[in-house]
N, C-alpha and C. Protein backbone atom coordinates (compact mmCIF):
# COMPACT_ATOMS: atom_id res chain seq x y z
N MET A 1 89.75 78.67 113.60
CA MET A 1 90.57 79.30 114.65
C MET A 1 89.59 79.91 115.72
N ASP A 2 89.79 79.54 116.95
CA ASP A 2 89.05 80.18 118.04
C ASP A 2 89.70 81.27 118.64
N PHE A 3 89.12 82.41 118.69
CA PHE A 3 89.65 83.65 119.38
C PHE A 3 88.86 83.81 120.80
N HIS A 4 89.55 84.36 121.56
CA HIS A 4 88.84 84.59 122.94
C HIS A 4 89.30 85.92 123.44
N ILE A 5 88.40 86.63 124.23
CA ILE A 5 88.65 87.90 124.87
C ILE A 5 88.57 87.71 126.37
N ASP A 6 89.55 88.38 126.93
CA ASP A 6 89.61 88.38 128.35
C ASP A 6 89.07 89.77 129.00
N VAL A 7 87.81 89.74 129.34
CA VAL A 7 87.21 91.00 129.74
C VAL A 7 87.77 91.61 130.92
N ALA A 8 88.48 90.73 131.79
CA ALA A 8 88.99 91.21 133.05
C ALA A 8 90.51 91.88 132.68
N SER A 9 90.99 91.67 131.52
CA SER A 9 92.36 92.15 131.17
C SER A 9 92.32 93.70 130.96
N ARG A 10 93.40 94.32 131.28
CA ARG A 10 93.49 95.72 131.08
C ARG A 10 93.98 96.08 129.63
N THR A 11 94.30 95.09 128.89
CA THR A 11 94.61 95.18 127.51
C THR A 11 93.24 95.45 126.72
N PRO A 12 93.29 96.47 125.79
CA PRO A 12 92.04 96.66 125.04
C PRO A 12 91.63 95.46 124.25
N ILE A 13 90.36 95.41 124.04
CA ILE A 13 89.80 94.07 123.18
C ILE A 13 90.47 94.24 121.90
N TYR A 14 90.56 95.18 121.17
CA TYR A 14 91.17 95.27 119.89
C TYR A 14 92.48 94.77 119.87
N ARG A 15 93.26 95.11 120.86
CA ARG A 15 94.74 94.59 120.87
C ARG A 15 94.84 93.20 121.23
N GLN A 16 94.03 92.66 122.14
CA GLN A 16 93.93 91.16 122.41
C GLN A 16 93.68 90.55 121.24
N LEU A 17 92.69 90.84 120.35
CA LEU A 17 92.50 90.06 119.09
C LEU A 17 93.46 90.31 118.14
N ALA A 18 93.98 91.47 117.93
CA ALA A 18 95.05 91.69 116.89
C ALA A 18 96.27 90.80 117.17
N GLU A 19 96.67 90.70 118.51
CA GLU A 19 97.83 89.89 118.92
C GLU A 19 97.52 88.46 118.76
N GLN A 20 96.32 88.02 118.93
CA GLN A 20 95.98 86.57 118.72
C GLN A 20 96.01 86.16 117.21
N ILE A 21 95.62 87.08 116.33
CA ILE A 21 95.70 86.89 114.89
C ILE A 21 97.27 86.91 114.41
N ARG A 22 97.99 87.81 114.98
CA ARG A 22 99.45 87.91 114.60
C ARG A 22 100.14 86.66 115.00
N SER A 23 99.82 86.18 116.22
CA SER A 23 100.50 84.93 116.81
C SER A 23 99.96 83.70 116.08
N ALA A 24 98.78 83.68 115.72
CA ALA A 24 98.18 82.41 114.94
C ALA A 24 99.02 82.44 113.55
N VAL A 25 99.19 83.55 112.95
CA VAL A 25 99.82 83.50 111.72
C VAL A 25 101.31 83.12 111.77
N ALA A 26 101.96 83.72 112.79
CA ALA A 26 103.37 83.46 113.08
C ALA A 26 103.64 81.93 113.33
N ARG A 27 102.70 81.50 114.11
CA ARG A 27 102.85 80.06 114.55
C ARG A 27 102.29 79.05 113.68
N GLY A 28 101.66 79.48 112.48
CA GLY A 28 101.16 78.66 111.48
C GLY A 28 99.78 78.02 111.83
N ARG A 29 99.08 78.49 112.77
CA ARG A 29 97.68 78.22 113.00
C ARG A 29 96.80 78.80 111.94
N LEU A 30 97.24 79.88 111.46
CA LEU A 30 96.46 80.56 110.32
C LEU A 30 97.41 80.65 109.15
N GLN A 31 97.12 80.04 108.04
CA GLN A 31 97.85 79.97 106.97
C GLN A 31 97.61 81.01 105.91
N SER A 32 98.64 81.34 105.09
CA SER A 32 98.52 82.32 103.96
C SER A 32 97.31 81.97 103.13
N SER A 33 96.51 82.90 102.80
CA SER A 33 95.24 82.89 101.96
C SER A 33 94.09 82.25 102.73
N GLU A 34 94.27 81.89 104.02
CA GLU A 34 93.08 81.34 104.83
C GLU A 34 92.17 82.54 105.10
N ARG A 35 90.88 82.16 104.98
CA ARG A 35 89.84 83.16 105.36
C ARG A 35 89.43 83.31 106.70
N LEU A 36 89.40 84.46 107.26
CA LEU A 36 89.03 84.81 108.57
C LEU A 36 87.48 84.88 108.77
N PRO A 37 86.98 84.81 109.94
CA PRO A 37 85.53 84.93 110.10
C PRO A 37 85.09 86.40 109.75
N SER A 38 83.86 86.41 109.15
CA SER A 38 83.45 87.76 108.97
C SER A 38 83.26 88.68 110.05
N VAL A 39 83.26 89.96 109.87
CA VAL A 39 83.16 90.84 111.03
C VAL A 39 82.02 90.60 111.88
N ARG A 40 80.86 90.41 111.26
CA ARG A 40 79.50 90.11 111.78
C ARG A 40 79.73 88.88 112.70
N ASP A 41 80.10 87.80 111.99
CA ASP A 41 80.21 86.37 112.66
C ASP A 41 81.08 86.48 113.94
N LEU A 42 82.33 87.14 113.81
CA LEU A 42 83.21 87.13 114.86
C LEU A 42 82.72 88.12 116.02
N SER A 43 82.14 89.05 115.74
CA SER A 43 81.56 89.95 116.75
C SER A 43 80.42 89.32 117.51
N ARG A 44 79.57 88.46 116.87
CA ARG A 44 78.62 87.79 117.42
C ARG A 44 79.21 86.65 118.45
N ARG A 45 80.17 85.90 117.85
CA ARG A 45 80.94 84.86 118.80
C ARG A 45 81.55 85.38 119.99
N LEU A 46 82.25 86.45 119.81
CA LEU A 46 82.97 87.08 120.87
C LEU A 46 82.16 88.10 121.79
N VAL A 47 80.91 88.36 121.35
CA VAL A 47 80.12 89.37 122.01
C VAL A 47 80.85 90.72 122.18
N VAL A 48 81.29 91.30 120.97
CA VAL A 48 82.12 92.34 120.87
C VAL A 48 81.41 93.33 119.78
N ASN A 49 81.60 94.65 119.91
CA ASN A 49 81.06 95.55 118.90
C ASN A 49 81.73 95.26 117.56
N PRO A 50 80.76 95.05 116.45
CA PRO A 50 81.47 94.87 115.08
C PRO A 50 82.44 95.93 114.65
N ASN A 51 82.37 96.99 115.20
CA ASN A 51 83.40 98.27 114.88
C ASN A 51 84.76 97.77 115.46
N THR A 52 84.80 97.09 116.57
CA THR A 52 86.02 96.60 117.10
C THR A 52 86.75 95.63 116.20
N ILE A 53 85.99 94.64 115.72
CA ILE A 53 86.54 93.65 114.83
C ILE A 53 86.98 94.32 113.48
N ALA A 54 86.20 95.34 113.01
CA ALA A 54 86.58 95.98 111.78
C ALA A 54 87.93 96.72 111.99
N ARG A 55 87.95 97.36 113.16
CA ARG A 55 89.19 98.24 113.42
C ARG A 55 90.43 97.20 113.45
N VAL A 56 90.25 95.95 114.03
CA VAL A 56 91.36 95.00 114.00
C VAL A 56 91.83 94.60 112.60
N TYR A 57 90.76 94.19 111.80
CA TYR A 57 91.06 93.78 110.35
C TYR A 57 91.73 94.89 109.65
N THR A 58 91.21 96.19 109.78
CA THR A 58 91.76 97.30 109.11
C THR A 58 93.28 97.47 109.51
N GLU A 59 93.48 97.54 110.85
CA GLU A 59 94.93 97.70 111.25
C GLU A 59 95.80 96.67 110.74
N LEU A 60 95.34 95.38 110.79
CA LEU A 60 96.25 94.36 110.26
C LEU A 60 96.44 94.43 108.78
N GLU A 61 95.36 94.92 108.02
CA GLU A 61 95.62 95.11 106.78
C GLU A 61 96.59 96.01 106.36
N ARG A 62 96.44 97.17 107.01
CA ARG A 62 97.56 98.18 106.83
C ARG A 62 98.87 97.70 107.22
N GLU A 63 99.11 96.81 108.14
CA GLU A 63 100.38 96.15 108.41
C GLU A 63 100.76 95.17 107.29
N GLY A 64 99.92 94.85 106.44
CA GLY A 64 100.30 93.88 105.39
C GLY A 64 99.98 92.39 105.89
N LEU A 65 99.37 92.12 107.04
CA LEU A 65 99.25 90.77 107.42
C LEU A 65 97.85 90.18 106.88
N LEU A 66 96.78 91.04 106.65
CA LEU A 66 95.68 90.62 106.15
C LEU A 66 95.33 91.41 104.78
N VAL A 67 94.46 90.66 103.88
CA VAL A 67 93.98 91.47 102.77
C VAL A 67 92.54 91.09 102.55
N THR A 68 91.79 92.18 102.18
CA THR A 68 90.33 91.98 101.95
C THR A 68 90.12 91.95 100.47
N ARG A 69 89.29 90.85 100.21
CA ARG A 69 88.82 90.60 98.86
C ARG A 69 87.42 91.05 98.81
N PRO A 70 87.09 92.03 98.07
CA PRO A 70 85.68 92.45 98.04
C PRO A 70 84.72 91.36 97.60
N GLY A 71 83.68 91.20 98.36
CA GLY A 71 82.64 90.13 98.08
C GLY A 71 83.05 88.84 98.66
N LEU A 72 84.42 88.53 98.99
CA LEU A 72 84.79 87.29 99.47
C LEU A 72 85.17 87.23 100.95
N GLY A 73 85.59 88.25 101.44
CA GLY A 73 86.00 88.35 102.81
C GLY A 73 87.42 88.88 103.17
N VAL A 74 87.95 88.52 104.39
CA VAL A 74 89.24 88.77 104.78
C VAL A 74 90.07 87.66 104.83
N PHE A 75 91.26 87.75 104.26
CA PHE A 75 92.25 86.55 104.22
C PHE A 75 93.63 86.89 104.75
N VAL A 76 94.29 85.79 105.19
CA VAL A 76 95.73 86.07 105.58
C VAL A 76 96.52 86.37 104.36
N ALA A 77 97.24 87.39 104.38
CA ALA A 77 98.15 87.83 103.31
C ALA A 77 99.42 86.92 102.96
N PRO A 78 99.91 86.86 101.89
CA PRO A 78 101.25 86.13 101.82
C PRO A 78 102.26 86.96 102.60
N PRO A 79 103.33 86.27 103.18
CA PRO A 79 104.33 86.88 104.04
C PRO A 79 104.98 88.10 103.40
N GLY A 80 105.10 89.12 104.16
CA GLY A 80 105.89 90.34 103.59
C GLY A 80 105.32 91.10 102.53
N THR A 81 104.02 90.94 102.31
CA THR A 81 103.28 91.65 101.28
C THR A 81 103.33 93.14 101.48
N GLY A 82 103.88 93.74 100.44
CA GLY A 82 103.62 95.30 100.55
C GLY A 82 104.84 96.09 101.16
N LEU A 83 105.78 95.27 101.72
CA LEU A 83 106.86 95.89 102.47
C LEU A 83 108.21 95.53 101.87
N THR A 84 108.96 96.42 101.71
CA THR A 84 110.29 96.04 101.19
C THR A 84 111.25 95.37 102.31
N LYS A 85 112.21 94.63 101.79
CA LYS A 85 113.02 93.94 102.75
C LYS A 85 113.73 94.98 103.81
N GLU A 86 114.01 96.04 103.36
CA GLU A 86 114.68 97.09 104.21
C GLU A 86 113.68 97.60 105.20
N THR A 87 112.43 97.86 104.80
CA THR A 87 111.35 98.33 105.76
C THR A 87 111.14 97.18 106.77
N ARG A 88 111.07 96.03 106.34
CA ARG A 88 110.80 94.93 107.27
C ARG A 88 111.94 94.78 108.23
N ARG A 89 113.16 94.96 107.77
CA ARG A 89 114.32 94.87 108.68
C ARG A 89 114.27 95.97 109.66
N GLU A 90 114.00 97.16 109.25
CA GLU A 90 113.87 98.36 110.15
C GLU A 90 112.86 98.11 111.13
N ARG A 91 111.75 97.71 110.88
CA ARG A 91 110.55 97.40 111.83
C ARG A 91 111.04 96.26 112.81
N LEU A 92 111.74 95.27 112.36
CA LEU A 92 112.20 94.21 113.32
C LEU A 92 113.25 94.76 114.20
N LEU A 93 114.25 95.61 113.73
CA LEU A 93 115.26 96.22 114.70
C LEU A 93 114.63 97.01 115.76
N VAL A 94 113.53 97.78 115.56
CA VAL A 94 112.79 98.59 116.49
C VAL A 94 112.28 97.65 117.47
N LEU A 95 111.61 96.62 117.02
CA LEU A 95 110.99 95.64 118.00
C LEU A 95 112.17 95.10 118.92
N LEU A 96 113.24 94.62 118.19
CA LEU A 96 114.40 93.94 118.88
C LEU A 96 114.87 94.90 119.91
N ASP A 97 115.13 96.16 119.57
CA ASP A 97 115.72 97.07 120.58
C ASP A 97 114.79 97.31 121.73
N GLY A 98 113.46 97.26 121.63
CA GLY A 98 112.60 97.41 122.76
C GLY A 98 112.64 96.13 123.55
N PHE A 99 112.74 94.91 122.89
CA PHE A 99 112.68 93.76 123.52
C PHE A 99 114.07 93.59 124.42
N PHE A 100 115.17 93.94 123.79
CA PHE A 100 116.39 93.90 124.63
C PHE A 100 116.43 94.74 125.69
N THR A 101 116.03 95.99 125.52
CA THR A 101 115.90 97.03 126.62
C THR A 101 115.05 96.58 127.75
N GLU A 102 113.99 95.95 127.52
CA GLU A 102 113.06 95.47 128.47
C GLU A 102 113.74 94.28 129.28
N ALA A 103 114.37 93.40 128.47
CA ALA A 103 115.08 92.21 129.08
C ALA A 103 116.02 92.73 130.07
N VAL A 104 116.90 93.76 129.63
CA VAL A 104 117.91 94.23 130.68
C VAL A 104 117.39 94.88 131.85
N LEU A 105 116.29 95.58 131.58
CA LEU A 105 115.63 96.28 132.73
C LEU A 105 114.88 95.27 133.67
N LEU A 106 114.50 94.14 133.24
CA LEU A 106 113.98 93.11 133.97
C LEU A 106 115.04 92.16 134.65
N GLY A 107 116.28 92.52 134.43
CA GLY A 107 117.34 91.76 134.99
C GLY A 107 117.80 90.42 134.46
N PHE A 108 117.33 90.09 133.25
CA PHE A 108 117.77 88.91 132.61
C PHE A 108 119.25 89.01 132.07
N THR A 109 119.98 87.82 132.08
CA THR A 109 121.41 87.77 131.61
C THR A 109 121.13 87.44 130.16
N ALA A 110 122.16 87.71 129.37
CA ALA A 110 122.34 87.45 127.97
C ALA A 110 122.02 85.97 127.63
N ASP A 111 122.54 85.02 128.53
CA ASP A 111 122.37 83.68 128.42
C ASP A 111 120.79 83.24 128.57
N GLU A 112 120.13 83.91 129.48
CA GLU A 112 118.78 83.60 129.78
C GLU A 112 117.92 84.14 128.44
N VAL A 113 118.33 85.29 128.05
CA VAL A 113 117.45 85.84 126.90
C VAL A 113 117.70 84.89 125.66
N ARG A 114 118.90 84.42 125.37
CA ARG A 114 119.14 83.53 124.31
C ARG A 114 118.32 82.39 124.36
N GLU A 115 118.27 81.69 125.61
CA GLU A 115 117.59 80.44 125.89
C GLU A 115 116.03 80.69 125.58
N LEU A 116 115.52 81.68 126.06
CA LEU A 116 114.00 82.14 125.91
C LEU A 116 113.85 82.35 124.37
N PHE A 117 114.70 83.03 123.77
CA PHE A 117 114.60 83.45 122.39
C PHE A 117 114.67 82.06 121.55
N GLN A 118 115.44 81.18 121.74
CA GLN A 118 115.48 79.97 121.12
C GLN A 118 114.23 79.13 121.29
N GLU A 119 113.68 79.11 122.57
CA GLU A 119 112.36 78.44 122.63
C GLU A 119 111.39 79.07 121.79
N ARG A 120 111.27 80.35 121.74
CA ARG A 120 110.18 81.03 120.91
C ARG A 120 110.41 80.75 119.48
N ILE A 121 111.58 80.82 119.08
CA ILE A 121 111.94 80.51 117.67
C ILE A 121 111.47 79.18 117.21
N ALA A 122 111.61 78.34 118.01
CA ALA A 122 111.12 76.85 117.76
C ALA A 122 109.58 76.72 117.58
N GLN A 123 108.89 77.66 118.02
CA GLN A 123 107.49 77.72 118.02
C GLN A 123 106.91 78.39 116.85
N CYS A 124 107.72 79.06 116.13
CA CYS A 124 107.22 79.86 114.94
C CYS A 124 107.34 79.03 113.59
N GLN A 125 106.54 79.27 112.77
CA GLN A 125 106.54 78.80 111.40
C GLN A 125 107.27 79.73 110.49
N TRP A 126 108.55 79.25 110.00
CA TRP A 126 109.37 80.16 109.29
C TRP A 126 109.14 79.85 107.73
N GLN A 127 109.21 80.88 106.95
CA GLN A 127 109.19 80.77 105.44
C GLN A 127 110.51 80.52 104.88
N ALA A 128 110.49 79.79 103.77
CA ALA A 128 111.81 79.51 103.09
C ALA A 128 112.28 80.81 102.55
N GLU A 129 113.52 81.05 102.55
CA GLU A 129 114.16 82.38 101.94
C GLU A 129 113.83 82.57 100.55
N ALA A 130 113.59 83.84 100.20
CA ALA A 130 113.19 84.03 98.93
C ALA A 130 114.45 84.36 98.04
């Protein structure tokens, strides 16, 4: 997986990288149990401070998206690891509330939002129901 950093962006480097990893997992470009580059390797490739990469990996591990296996590296965690269904549902509702609020403030109609939503759903890799 190739990651890139836009140094001209106002978005902090750690957020850019975290979002790229989240997106890659959601779209199936990074699979469950797939190994990510080491902190040292990725920091060298992106010309970024290793602490920044470590911060991203730690944040995504706290979210349950990544898992560190001592001596082996950092891997994509199985979906929903460590979070109850209710907790995941609550987090999603918070995100949806923000999304819909922003869509209304930007002047989108419900039909326009539905259409864009369907386009994005088609781009994601969904897991079978448990």
